[in-house]
N, C-alpha and C. Protein backbone atom coordinates (compact mmCIF):
# COMPACT_ATOMS: atom_id res chain seq x y z
N MET A 1 19.16 -25.08 -5.97
CA MET A 1 17.78 -24.68 -5.65
C MET A 1 17.29 -23.58 -6.59
N SER A 2 18.20 -22.66 -6.97
CA SER A 2 17.81 -21.56 -7.84
C SER A 2 17.19 -22.06 -9.14
N GLY A 3 17.88 -23.05 -9.76
CA GLY A 3 17.38 -23.60 -11.01
C GLY A 3 16.12 -24.39 -10.84
N SER A 4 16.05 -25.21 -9.79
CA SER A 4 14.88 -26.07 -9.61
C SER A 4 13.63 -25.26 -9.29
N LEU A 5 13.76 -24.18 -8.54
CA LEU A 5 12.60 -23.34 -8.24
C LEU A 5 12.12 -22.62 -9.50
N LEU A 6 13.06 -22.15 -10.29
CA LEU A 6 12.71 -21.50 -11.54
C LEU A 6 11.99 -22.47 -12.47
N ASP A 7 12.50 -23.70 -12.53
CA ASP A 7 11.86 -24.73 -13.37
C ASP A 7 10.46 -25.06 -12.88
N ARG A 8 10.30 -25.17 -11.55
CA ARG A 8 8.99 -25.48 -10.98
C ARG A 8 7.98 -24.36 -11.29
N MET A 9 8.43 -23.14 -11.15
CA MET A 9 7.55 -22.01 -11.45
C MET A 9 7.14 -22.02 -12.92
N GLU A 10 8.10 -22.23 -13.80
CA GLU A 10 7.80 -22.24 -15.23
C GLU A 10 6.82 -23.37 -15.57
N ALA A 11 7.00 -24.53 -14.94
CA ALA A 11 6.10 -25.66 -15.18
C ALA A 11 4.67 -25.34 -14.74
N THR A 12 4.54 -24.66 -13.60
CA THR A 12 3.22 -24.27 -13.10
C THR A 12 2.55 -23.27 -14.04
N ILE A 13 3.32 -22.32 -14.52
CA ILE A 13 2.80 -21.32 -15.46
C ILE A 13 2.24 -22.01 -16.70
N GLN A 14 2.99 -22.97 -17.21
CA GLN A 14 2.56 -23.67 -18.43
C GLN A 14 1.39 -24.61 -18.17
N ARG A 15 1.43 -25.32 -17.04
CA ARG A 15 0.38 -26.29 -16.74
C ARG A 15 -0.99 -25.63 -16.64
N PHE A 16 -1.05 -24.46 -16.03
CA PHE A 16 -2.33 -23.78 -15.83
C PHE A 16 -2.60 -22.69 -16.86
N GLY A 17 -1.71 -22.56 -17.84
CA GLY A 17 -1.91 -21.55 -18.88
C GLY A 17 -2.03 -20.15 -18.32
N MET A 18 -1.17 -19.81 -17.35
CA MET A 18 -1.29 -18.53 -16.65
C MET A 18 -1.06 -17.34 -17.56
N PHE A 19 -0.06 -17.43 -18.41
CA PHE A 19 0.21 -16.37 -19.38
C PHE A 19 1.19 -16.91 -20.41
N GLY A 20 1.28 -16.21 -21.53
CA GLY A 20 2.15 -16.64 -22.61
C GLY A 20 3.22 -15.62 -22.92
N LYS A 21 3.89 -15.84 -24.01
CA LYS A 21 4.97 -14.95 -24.44
C LYS A 21 4.42 -13.55 -24.70
N GLY A 22 5.16 -12.55 -24.23
CA GLY A 22 4.76 -11.17 -24.43
C GLY A 22 3.70 -10.67 -23.47
N ALA A 23 3.43 -11.43 -22.42
CA ALA A 23 2.38 -11.05 -21.47
C ALA A 23 2.74 -9.79 -20.70
N SER A 24 1.70 -9.03 -20.35
CA SER A 24 1.85 -7.86 -19.49
C SER A 24 1.46 -8.26 -18.08
N LEU A 25 2.42 -8.21 -17.16
CA LEU A 25 2.20 -8.69 -15.80
C LEU A 25 2.38 -7.58 -14.77
N ILE A 26 1.38 -7.43 -13.93
CA ILE A 26 1.46 -6.52 -12.78
C ILE A 26 1.82 -7.39 -11.58
N VAL A 27 3.03 -7.25 -11.07
CA VAL A 27 3.50 -8.11 -9.98
C VAL A 27 3.20 -7.42 -8.65
N ALA A 28 2.32 -8.02 -7.86
CA ALA A 28 1.97 -7.46 -6.55
C ALA A 28 3.09 -7.78 -5.57
N VAL A 29 3.74 -6.76 -5.06
CA VAL A 29 4.89 -6.95 -4.17
C VAL A 29 4.65 -6.23 -2.86
N SER A 30 4.59 -6.99 -1.78
CA SER A 30 4.41 -6.41 -0.45
C SER A 30 5.74 -5.98 0.15
N GLY A 31 6.81 -6.63 -0.32
CA GLY A 31 8.13 -6.42 0.26
C GLY A 31 8.57 -7.62 1.07
N GLY A 32 7.64 -8.55 1.34
CA GLY A 32 7.97 -9.77 2.07
C GLY A 32 8.71 -10.76 1.19
N ILE A 33 9.22 -11.81 1.80
CA ILE A 33 10.06 -12.77 1.10
C ILE A 33 9.36 -13.42 -0.08
N ASP A 34 8.08 -13.77 0.06
CA ASP A 34 7.37 -14.48 -1.02
C ASP A 34 7.30 -13.64 -2.29
N SER A 35 6.85 -12.40 -2.16
CA SER A 35 6.68 -11.56 -3.35
C SER A 35 8.02 -11.09 -3.91
N VAL A 36 9.02 -10.91 -3.06
CA VAL A 36 10.35 -10.53 -3.54
C VAL A 36 10.95 -11.66 -4.37
N VAL A 37 10.82 -12.88 -3.90
CA VAL A 37 11.31 -14.04 -4.65
C VAL A 37 10.54 -14.18 -5.96
N CYS A 38 9.23 -14.02 -5.91
CA CYS A 38 8.41 -14.13 -7.11
C CYS A 38 8.85 -13.12 -8.17
N LEU A 39 9.09 -11.89 -7.75
CA LEU A 39 9.54 -10.86 -8.68
C LEU A 39 10.91 -11.21 -9.26
N ASP A 40 11.81 -11.68 -8.43
CA ASP A 40 13.15 -12.05 -8.89
C ASP A 40 13.07 -13.15 -9.95
N LEU A 41 12.23 -14.14 -9.72
CA LEU A 41 12.06 -15.23 -10.68
C LEU A 41 11.50 -14.72 -12.01
N LEU A 42 10.50 -13.86 -11.94
CA LEU A 42 9.90 -13.33 -13.17
C LEU A 42 10.90 -12.48 -13.95
N CYS A 43 11.75 -11.76 -13.24
CA CYS A 43 12.78 -10.97 -13.91
C CYS A 43 13.76 -11.87 -14.65
N ARG A 44 14.00 -13.05 -14.10
CA ARG A 44 14.89 -14.01 -14.77
C ARG A 44 14.23 -14.62 -16.00
N LEU A 45 12.90 -14.65 -16.01
CA LEU A 45 12.17 -15.18 -17.17
C LEU A 45 11.80 -14.09 -18.18
N ARG A 46 12.02 -12.84 -17.79
CA ARG A 46 11.53 -11.70 -18.58
C ARG A 46 12.01 -11.72 -20.03
N GLU A 47 13.31 -11.90 -20.23
CA GLU A 47 13.84 -11.82 -21.59
C GLU A 47 13.35 -12.98 -22.45
N ARG A 48 13.40 -14.19 -21.91
CA ARG A 48 13.02 -15.38 -22.68
C ARG A 48 11.55 -15.34 -23.09
N PHE A 49 10.69 -14.85 -22.19
CA PHE A 49 9.25 -14.81 -22.47
C PHE A 49 8.77 -13.44 -22.96
N GLU A 50 9.73 -12.51 -23.11
CA GLU A 50 9.39 -11.15 -23.56
C GLU A 50 8.30 -10.54 -22.68
N LEU A 51 8.44 -10.72 -21.39
CA LEU A 51 7.43 -10.24 -20.44
C LEU A 51 7.53 -8.73 -20.26
N ARG A 52 6.38 -8.12 -20.11
CA ARG A 52 6.30 -6.69 -19.77
C ARG A 52 5.88 -6.62 -18.31
N LEU A 53 6.85 -6.36 -17.46
CA LEU A 53 6.61 -6.39 -16.02
C LEU A 53 6.46 -5.00 -15.44
N SER A 54 5.59 -4.89 -14.45
CA SER A 54 5.51 -3.69 -13.62
C SER A 54 5.26 -4.14 -12.19
N VAL A 55 5.60 -3.29 -11.26
CA VAL A 55 5.49 -3.63 -9.83
C VAL A 55 4.38 -2.79 -9.20
N ALA A 56 3.54 -3.46 -8.41
CA ALA A 56 2.44 -2.77 -7.72
C ALA A 56 2.51 -3.03 -6.22
N HIS A 57 2.27 -1.99 -5.44
CA HIS A 57 2.29 -2.12 -3.98
C HIS A 57 1.09 -1.39 -3.40
N VAL A 58 0.40 -2.03 -2.48
CA VAL A 58 -0.72 -1.41 -1.78
C VAL A 58 -0.30 -1.14 -0.35
N ASN A 59 -0.33 0.13 0.04
CA ASN A 59 0.06 0.53 1.39
C ASN A 59 -1.19 0.58 2.26
N HIS A 60 -1.31 -0.39 3.17
CA HIS A 60 -2.48 -0.46 4.03
C HIS A 60 -2.40 0.49 5.22
N GLY A 61 -1.19 0.96 5.54
CA GLY A 61 -1.02 1.87 6.65
C GLY A 61 -1.33 1.29 8.01
N LEU A 62 -1.32 -0.04 8.12
CA LEU A 62 -1.68 -0.68 9.39
C LEU A 62 -0.51 -0.75 10.38
N ARG A 63 0.72 -0.51 9.88
CA ARG A 63 1.88 -0.67 10.75
C ARG A 63 2.69 0.62 10.87
N GLY A 64 2.02 1.75 10.67
CA GLY A 64 2.68 3.04 10.85
C GLY A 64 3.90 3.22 9.96
N GLU A 65 5.04 3.57 10.60
CA GLU A 65 6.26 3.82 9.85
C GLU A 65 6.74 2.59 9.10
N ALA A 66 6.45 1.41 9.65
CA ALA A 66 6.87 0.17 8.97
C ALA A 66 6.17 0.04 7.62
N SER A 67 4.91 0.46 7.54
CA SER A 67 4.19 0.42 6.26
C SER A 67 4.82 1.36 5.24
N GLU A 68 5.24 2.54 5.71
CA GLU A 68 5.91 3.48 4.81
C GLU A 68 7.24 2.90 4.35
N GLY A 69 7.93 2.21 5.27
CA GLY A 69 9.19 1.57 4.92
C GLY A 69 9.01 0.48 3.88
N ASP A 70 7.91 -0.27 4.00
CA ASP A 70 7.61 -1.31 3.01
C ASP A 70 7.45 -0.69 1.62
N ALA A 71 6.68 0.39 1.55
CA ALA A 71 6.41 1.04 0.27
C ALA A 71 7.70 1.56 -0.36
N GLU A 72 8.55 2.16 0.44
CA GLU A 72 9.81 2.69 -0.08
C GLU A 72 10.74 1.56 -0.52
N PHE A 73 10.75 0.47 0.24
CA PHE A 73 11.57 -0.69 -0.12
C PHE A 73 11.16 -1.23 -1.49
N VAL A 74 9.86 -1.39 -1.70
CA VAL A 74 9.37 -1.93 -2.97
C VAL A 74 9.64 -0.95 -4.11
N ARG A 75 9.52 0.34 -3.83
CA ARG A 75 9.82 1.35 -4.85
C ARG A 75 11.28 1.21 -5.32
N GLU A 76 12.19 1.06 -4.36
CA GLU A 76 13.60 0.93 -4.69
C GLU A 76 13.88 -0.39 -5.42
N LEU A 77 13.18 -1.45 -5.02
CA LEU A 77 13.34 -2.75 -5.67
C LEU A 77 12.94 -2.66 -7.14
N ALA A 78 11.83 -2.00 -7.41
CA ALA A 78 11.38 -1.83 -8.80
C ALA A 78 12.40 -1.02 -9.59
N ALA A 79 12.94 0.03 -8.97
CA ALA A 79 13.93 0.87 -9.65
C ALA A 79 15.19 0.07 -9.98
N GLN A 80 15.61 -0.79 -9.06
CA GLN A 80 16.79 -1.62 -9.30
C GLN A 80 16.61 -2.53 -10.50
N GLN A 81 15.38 -2.98 -10.72
CA GLN A 81 15.09 -3.87 -11.85
C GLN A 81 14.68 -3.10 -13.10
N GLY A 82 14.62 -1.77 -12.98
CA GLY A 82 14.22 -0.96 -14.12
C GLY A 82 12.76 -1.13 -14.51
N LEU A 83 11.91 -1.35 -13.51
CA LEU A 83 10.50 -1.63 -13.78
C LEU A 83 9.60 -0.47 -13.35
N PRO A 84 8.51 -0.24 -14.08
CA PRO A 84 7.52 0.76 -13.65
C PRO A 84 6.96 0.38 -12.27
N PHE A 85 6.66 1.40 -11.47
CA PHE A 85 6.17 1.16 -10.11
C PHE A 85 4.90 1.96 -9.89
N ARG A 86 3.94 1.33 -9.24
CA ARG A 86 2.72 2.04 -8.85
C ARG A 86 2.39 1.66 -7.41
N CYS A 87 1.89 2.63 -6.67
CA CYS A 87 1.58 2.41 -5.25
C CYS A 87 0.27 3.12 -4.92
N LYS A 88 -0.55 2.47 -4.15
CA LYS A 88 -1.81 3.08 -3.71
C LYS A 88 -1.95 2.92 -2.21
N ARG A 89 -2.26 4.02 -1.54
CA ARG A 89 -2.55 3.97 -0.11
C ARG A 89 -4.06 3.78 0.06
N VAL A 90 -4.44 2.84 0.90
CA VAL A 90 -5.86 2.59 1.13
C VAL A 90 -6.22 2.95 2.57
N ASP A 91 -7.46 3.33 2.77
CA ASP A 91 -7.93 3.77 4.09
C ASP A 91 -8.72 2.64 4.76
N VAL A 92 -7.99 1.77 5.43
CA VAL A 92 -8.63 0.63 6.09
C VAL A 92 -9.56 1.09 7.21
N ALA A 93 -9.11 2.08 7.98
CA ALA A 93 -9.93 2.58 9.09
C ALA A 93 -11.24 3.16 8.57
N GLY A 94 -11.16 3.92 7.49
CA GLY A 94 -12.36 4.51 6.91
C GLY A 94 -13.33 3.45 6.40
N TYR A 95 -12.77 2.40 5.80
CA TYR A 95 -13.61 1.31 5.30
C TYR A 95 -14.32 0.61 6.46
N ARG A 96 -13.58 0.38 7.54
CA ARG A 96 -14.16 -0.32 8.69
C ARG A 96 -15.20 0.52 9.42
N ALA A 97 -15.12 1.84 9.27
CA ALA A 97 -16.11 2.71 9.92
C ALA A 97 -17.51 2.43 9.39
N SER A 98 -17.59 2.02 8.13
CA SER A 98 -18.90 1.71 7.54
C SER A 98 -19.12 0.21 7.37
N HIS A 99 -18.15 -0.58 7.77
CA HIS A 99 -18.25 -2.05 7.74
C HIS A 99 -17.71 -2.58 9.06
N ARG A 100 -18.46 -2.36 10.13
CA ARG A 100 -17.95 -2.61 11.48
C ARG A 100 -17.66 -4.08 11.79
N HIS A 101 -18.26 -4.98 11.02
CA HIS A 101 -18.05 -6.40 11.27
C HIS A 101 -16.73 -6.90 10.68
N VAL A 102 -16.06 -6.05 9.91
CA VAL A 102 -14.84 -6.45 9.19
C VAL A 102 -13.61 -6.17 10.04
N SER A 103 -12.71 -7.16 10.14
CA SER A 103 -11.46 -6.99 10.88
C SER A 103 -10.50 -6.11 10.08
N PRO A 104 -9.47 -5.55 10.73
CA PRO A 104 -8.49 -4.75 9.98
C PRO A 104 -7.85 -5.54 8.85
N GLU A 105 -7.53 -6.80 9.13
CA GLU A 105 -6.86 -7.62 8.11
C GLU A 105 -7.78 -7.91 6.93
N GLU A 106 -9.04 -8.22 7.22
CA GLU A 106 -9.99 -8.49 6.14
C GLU A 106 -10.27 -7.22 5.34
N GLY A 107 -10.37 -6.09 6.03
CA GLY A 107 -10.56 -4.82 5.33
C GLY A 107 -9.39 -4.53 4.41
N ALA A 108 -8.18 -4.80 4.89
CA ALA A 108 -6.98 -4.58 4.07
C ALA A 108 -7.00 -5.47 2.84
N ARG A 109 -7.42 -6.71 3.02
CA ARG A 109 -7.48 -7.65 1.89
C ARG A 109 -8.48 -7.18 0.83
N ILE A 110 -9.66 -6.76 1.29
CA ILE A 110 -10.69 -6.29 0.36
C ILE A 110 -10.20 -5.08 -0.44
N LEU A 111 -9.60 -4.11 0.26
CA LEU A 111 -9.14 -2.90 -0.40
C LEU A 111 -7.94 -3.17 -1.30
N ARG A 112 -7.10 -4.13 -0.90
CA ARG A 112 -5.95 -4.51 -1.73
C ARG A 112 -6.43 -5.06 -3.08
N TYR A 113 -7.40 -5.97 -3.04
CA TYR A 113 -7.89 -6.54 -4.29
C TYR A 113 -8.61 -5.50 -5.14
N ARG A 114 -9.30 -4.57 -4.50
CA ARG A 114 -9.95 -3.50 -5.27
C ARG A 114 -8.91 -2.67 -6.02
N ALA A 115 -7.80 -2.37 -5.34
CA ALA A 115 -6.74 -1.58 -5.98
C ALA A 115 -6.13 -2.35 -7.15
N LEU A 116 -5.86 -3.63 -6.94
CA LEU A 116 -5.27 -4.44 -8.00
C LEU A 116 -6.22 -4.58 -9.19
N GLU A 117 -7.51 -4.75 -8.91
CA GLU A 117 -8.49 -4.86 -9.99
C GLU A 117 -8.59 -3.55 -10.77
N ALA A 118 -8.46 -2.43 -10.08
CA ALA A 118 -8.50 -1.13 -10.76
C ALA A 118 -7.31 -0.98 -11.69
N TRP A 119 -6.14 -1.44 -11.26
CA TRP A 119 -4.96 -1.37 -12.12
C TRP A 119 -5.11 -2.26 -13.34
N VAL A 120 -5.73 -3.43 -13.17
CA VAL A 120 -5.97 -4.31 -14.31
C VAL A 120 -6.91 -3.63 -15.31
N ALA A 121 -7.93 -2.95 -14.79
CA ALA A 121 -8.89 -2.26 -15.66
C ALA A 121 -8.20 -1.18 -16.50
N GLU A 122 -7.14 -0.60 -15.94
CA GLU A 122 -6.38 0.43 -16.66
C GLU A 122 -5.47 -0.17 -17.72
N SER A 123 -5.19 -1.47 -17.60
CA SER A 123 -4.29 -2.16 -18.53
C SER A 123 -4.97 -3.42 -19.04
N PRO A 124 -5.95 -3.30 -19.93
CA PRO A 124 -6.70 -4.46 -20.43
C PRO A 124 -5.77 -5.56 -20.96
N GLY A 125 -6.08 -6.79 -20.58
CA GLY A 125 -5.29 -7.93 -21.03
C GLY A 125 -4.14 -8.29 -20.11
N SER A 126 -3.87 -7.44 -19.12
CA SER A 126 -2.77 -7.73 -18.20
C SER A 126 -3.21 -8.73 -17.14
N ARG A 127 -2.23 -9.31 -16.47
CA ARG A 127 -2.47 -10.25 -15.38
C ARG A 127 -1.81 -9.71 -14.12
N VAL A 128 -2.40 -10.03 -12.98
CA VAL A 128 -1.80 -9.69 -11.69
C VAL A 128 -1.17 -10.95 -11.12
N VAL A 129 0.11 -10.87 -10.80
CA VAL A 129 0.82 -12.01 -10.24
C VAL A 129 0.86 -11.88 -8.72
N LEU A 130 0.35 -12.91 -8.04
CA LEU A 130 0.36 -12.97 -6.58
C LEU A 130 1.30 -14.09 -6.14
N ALA A 131 1.91 -13.95 -4.98
CA ALA A 131 2.99 -14.85 -4.56
C ALA A 131 2.56 -15.94 -3.58
N HIS A 132 1.29 -16.31 -3.57
CA HIS A 132 0.87 -17.40 -2.68
C HIS A 132 1.60 -18.69 -3.06
N HIS A 133 1.95 -19.47 -2.03
CA HIS A 133 2.69 -20.72 -2.26
C HIS A 133 1.94 -21.90 -1.66
N ARG A 134 2.56 -23.08 -1.73
CA ARG A 134 1.87 -24.30 -1.32
C ARG A 134 1.50 -24.30 0.17
N ASP A 135 2.33 -23.71 1.01
CA ASP A 135 2.02 -23.66 2.44
C ASP A 135 0.79 -22.80 2.70
N ASP A 136 0.63 -21.74 1.90
CA ASP A 136 -0.57 -20.90 2.01
C ASP A 136 -1.82 -21.72 1.71
N GLN A 137 -1.70 -22.62 0.73
CA GLN A 137 -2.82 -23.51 0.38
C GLN A 137 -3.27 -24.29 1.61
N ALA A 138 -2.30 -24.95 2.26
CA ALA A 138 -2.62 -25.78 3.42
C ALA A 138 -3.22 -24.95 4.55
N GLU A 139 -2.66 -23.76 4.78
CA GLU A 139 -3.16 -22.90 5.86
C GLU A 139 -4.58 -22.43 5.58
N THR A 140 -4.86 -22.14 4.31
CA THR A 140 -6.20 -21.68 3.95
C THR A 140 -7.24 -22.75 4.22
N VAL A 141 -6.94 -23.98 3.81
CA VAL A 141 -7.87 -25.08 4.03
C VAL A 141 -8.04 -25.33 5.53
N LEU A 142 -6.93 -25.33 6.27
CA LEU A 142 -6.99 -25.58 7.71
C LEU A 142 -7.83 -24.52 8.42
N MET A 143 -7.58 -23.25 8.12
CA MET A 143 -8.33 -22.19 8.77
C MET A 143 -9.80 -22.24 8.41
N SER A 144 -10.10 -22.67 7.19
CA SER A 144 -11.50 -22.80 6.79
C SER A 144 -12.19 -23.88 7.61
N LEU A 145 -11.49 -24.98 7.82
CA LEU A 145 -12.05 -26.06 8.63
C LEU A 145 -12.25 -25.62 10.08
N LEU A 146 -11.27 -24.89 10.61
CA LEU A 146 -11.34 -24.45 12.01
C LEU A 146 -12.45 -23.43 12.23
N THR A 147 -12.72 -22.62 11.21
CA THR A 147 -13.74 -21.58 11.36
C THR A 147 -15.09 -21.98 10.78
N GLY A 148 -15.17 -23.21 10.28
CA GLY A 148 -16.43 -23.70 9.73
C GLY A 148 -16.78 -23.16 8.38
N GLY A 149 -15.75 -22.68 7.65
CA GLY A 149 -16.02 -22.09 6.34
C GLY A 149 -16.30 -23.12 5.26
N GLY A 150 -15.79 -24.32 5.44
CA GLY A 150 -16.04 -25.39 4.48
C GLY A 150 -15.33 -25.23 3.15
N ARG A 151 -14.31 -24.35 3.10
CA ARG A 151 -13.60 -24.11 1.84
C ARG A 151 -12.45 -25.12 1.73
N LEU A 152 -12.70 -26.22 1.03
CA LEU A 152 -11.72 -27.30 0.96
C LEU A 152 -10.87 -27.25 -0.29
N GLU A 153 -11.23 -26.41 -1.24
CA GLU A 153 -10.50 -26.40 -2.50
C GLU A 153 -9.21 -25.60 -2.43
N GLY A 154 -9.02 -24.81 -1.39
CA GLY A 154 -7.80 -24.02 -1.27
C GLY A 154 -7.80 -22.81 -2.18
N ILE A 155 -6.61 -22.29 -2.46
CA ILE A 155 -6.45 -21.09 -3.28
C ILE A 155 -6.30 -21.51 -4.74
N PRO A 156 -7.09 -20.98 -5.65
CA PRO A 156 -6.98 -21.37 -7.06
C PRO A 156 -5.70 -20.83 -7.69
N PRO A 157 -5.05 -21.61 -8.55
CA PRO A 157 -3.85 -21.13 -9.25
C PRO A 157 -4.16 -19.91 -10.11
N CYS A 158 -5.36 -19.90 -10.70
CA CYS A 158 -5.80 -18.79 -11.55
C CYS A 158 -7.24 -18.45 -11.22
N ARG A 159 -7.54 -17.15 -11.18
CA ARG A 159 -8.93 -16.72 -11.01
C ARG A 159 -9.06 -15.35 -11.65
N GLY A 160 -9.76 -15.29 -12.77
CA GLY A 160 -9.85 -14.04 -13.48
C GLY A 160 -8.48 -13.58 -13.95
N ALA A 161 -8.15 -12.34 -13.63
CA ALA A 161 -6.85 -11.79 -14.04
C ALA A 161 -5.73 -12.15 -13.06
N PHE A 162 -6.07 -12.83 -11.97
CA PHE A 162 -5.08 -13.13 -10.93
C PHE A 162 -4.45 -14.51 -11.13
N VAL A 163 -3.12 -14.56 -11.11
CA VAL A 163 -2.40 -15.83 -11.27
C VAL A 163 -1.39 -15.99 -10.14
N ARG A 164 -1.13 -17.25 -9.78
CA ARG A 164 -0.24 -17.56 -8.66
C ARG A 164 0.79 -18.61 -9.07
N PRO A 165 1.87 -18.20 -9.71
CA PRO A 165 2.85 -19.15 -10.25
C PRO A 165 3.68 -19.90 -9.20
N LEU A 166 3.61 -19.50 -7.93
CA LEU A 166 4.34 -20.20 -6.87
C LEU A 166 3.44 -21.15 -6.07
N ILE A 167 2.21 -21.35 -6.52
CA ILE A 167 1.22 -22.08 -5.72
C ILE A 167 1.61 -23.53 -5.48
N GLU A 168 2.50 -24.10 -6.29
CA GLU A 168 2.93 -25.48 -6.10
C GLU A 168 4.29 -25.59 -5.41
N VAL A 169 4.80 -24.46 -4.95
CA VAL A 169 6.14 -24.41 -4.35
C VAL A 169 6.05 -24.33 -2.83
N PRO A 170 6.77 -25.19 -2.10
CA PRO A 170 6.77 -25.10 -0.64
C PRO A 170 7.54 -23.87 -0.15
N ARG A 171 7.13 -23.36 0.98
CA ARG A 171 7.76 -22.16 1.56
C ARG A 171 9.26 -22.36 1.77
N ALA A 172 9.67 -23.56 2.16
CA ALA A 172 11.09 -23.82 2.42
C ALA A 172 11.93 -23.56 1.18
N TRP A 173 11.39 -23.86 0.01
CA TRP A 173 12.13 -23.60 -1.24
C TRP A 173 12.32 -22.10 -1.45
N ILE A 174 11.29 -21.34 -1.12
CA ILE A 174 11.36 -19.89 -1.28
C ILE A 174 12.42 -19.30 -0.35
N GLU A 175 12.44 -19.78 0.89
CA GLU A 175 13.42 -19.29 1.86
C GLU A 175 14.85 -19.63 1.41
N ARG A 176 15.03 -20.84 0.90
CA ARG A 176 16.36 -21.26 0.45
C ARG A 176 16.80 -20.46 -0.77
N TYR A 177 15.86 -20.22 -1.67
CA TYR A 177 16.17 -19.44 -2.87
C TYR A 177 16.62 -18.03 -2.49
N ALA A 178 15.88 -17.40 -1.57
CA ALA A 178 16.23 -16.04 -1.14
C ALA A 178 17.62 -16.01 -0.54
N ALA A 179 17.95 -17.03 0.25
CA ALA A 179 19.28 -17.10 0.87
C ALA A 179 20.35 -17.31 -0.19
N ASP A 180 20.10 -18.22 -1.12
CA ASP A 180 21.08 -18.51 -2.18
C ASP A 180 21.33 -17.29 -3.07
N ARG A 181 20.30 -16.52 -3.31
CA ARG A 181 20.41 -15.35 -4.20
C ARG A 181 20.78 -14.08 -3.45
N GLY A 182 20.83 -14.16 -2.11
CA GLY A 182 21.17 -12.99 -1.30
C GLY A 182 20.13 -11.88 -1.39
N LEU A 183 18.87 -12.26 -1.47
CA LEU A 183 17.80 -11.27 -1.63
C LEU A 183 17.44 -10.62 -0.30
N SER A 184 17.20 -9.33 -0.33
CA SER A 184 16.72 -8.60 0.85
C SER A 184 15.20 -8.52 0.78
N TYR A 185 14.56 -8.49 1.94
CA TYR A 185 13.10 -8.41 1.99
C TYR A 185 12.69 -7.85 3.34
N ARG A 186 11.43 -7.49 3.46
CA ARG A 186 10.89 -6.92 4.69
C ARG A 186 10.23 -8.00 5.52
N GLU A 187 10.34 -7.87 6.83
CA GLU A 187 9.71 -8.82 7.75
C GLU A 187 8.41 -8.23 8.29
N ASP A 188 7.39 -9.07 8.39
CA ASP A 188 6.12 -8.68 9.01
C ASP A 188 5.65 -9.84 9.86
N ALA A 189 5.91 -9.75 11.16
CA ALA A 189 5.58 -10.85 12.07
C ALA A 189 4.10 -11.18 12.07
N SER A 190 3.24 -10.19 11.76
CA SER A 190 1.80 -10.44 11.80
C SER A 190 1.38 -11.47 10.77
N ASN A 191 2.15 -11.61 9.69
CA ASN A 191 1.78 -12.57 8.66
C ASN A 191 1.80 -14.00 9.17
N ARG A 192 2.59 -14.26 10.20
CA ARG A 192 2.69 -15.63 10.69
C ARG A 192 1.37 -16.11 11.29
N SER A 193 0.58 -15.17 11.81
CA SER A 193 -0.69 -15.57 12.42
C SER A 193 -1.89 -15.19 11.56
N LEU A 194 -1.64 -14.42 10.49
CA LEU A 194 -2.76 -13.93 9.69
C LEU A 194 -2.64 -14.32 8.23
N HIS A 195 -1.87 -15.36 7.95
CA HIS A 195 -1.62 -15.79 6.58
C HIS A 195 -2.91 -15.97 5.79
N PHE A 196 -3.86 -16.65 6.40
CA PHE A 196 -5.07 -17.01 5.66
C PHE A 196 -5.89 -15.80 5.25
N LEU A 197 -5.70 -14.69 5.94
CA LEU A 197 -6.46 -13.49 5.63
C LEU A 197 -5.89 -12.76 4.42
N ARG A 198 -4.71 -13.16 3.96
CA ARG A 198 -4.09 -12.45 2.85
C ARG A 198 -4.51 -13.01 1.51
N ASN A 199 -5.27 -14.08 1.50
CA ASN A 199 -5.60 -14.73 0.24
C ASN A 199 -6.69 -13.98 -0.51
């Protein structure tokens, strides 16, 4: 599974022209299984593609001590790989005070993308790697239909500086890869019911 997932990811990168040799990539890592696996795969491709990797984490502060634990976990993960690390804490409650119609999860998503876009602006030409996978695609379309959003195209593999090299990979492959590689990651039960809001 380790080899086949790596091959699938590389094929997706090439098919959509996500980035080339020597690319500067800001890898968004929440600490969950998807982003941890994505980072591990990119580290395995780093030497061959001469990638310049850095790790980015946005602390939403929605889960108290667990959020702090996530940030520290990702910091240590970046250090283990010898990668630069950046972290930004966002004020979801403050944002919602002036945007009362926005849910905590939607507010977190908006502020997360703002932080990532700001980091891209600081590093012209860089790309942000997000770990959405094929199951996220299906969930996004389903939730759109259920809420009347009419968004049938799903999550784009590439949009601006954002790329999603796992978008053609099923979640089961990611779980098996993590088990095979003995990867540690953080659990967030809320993601099971709020997946579509993370896109």
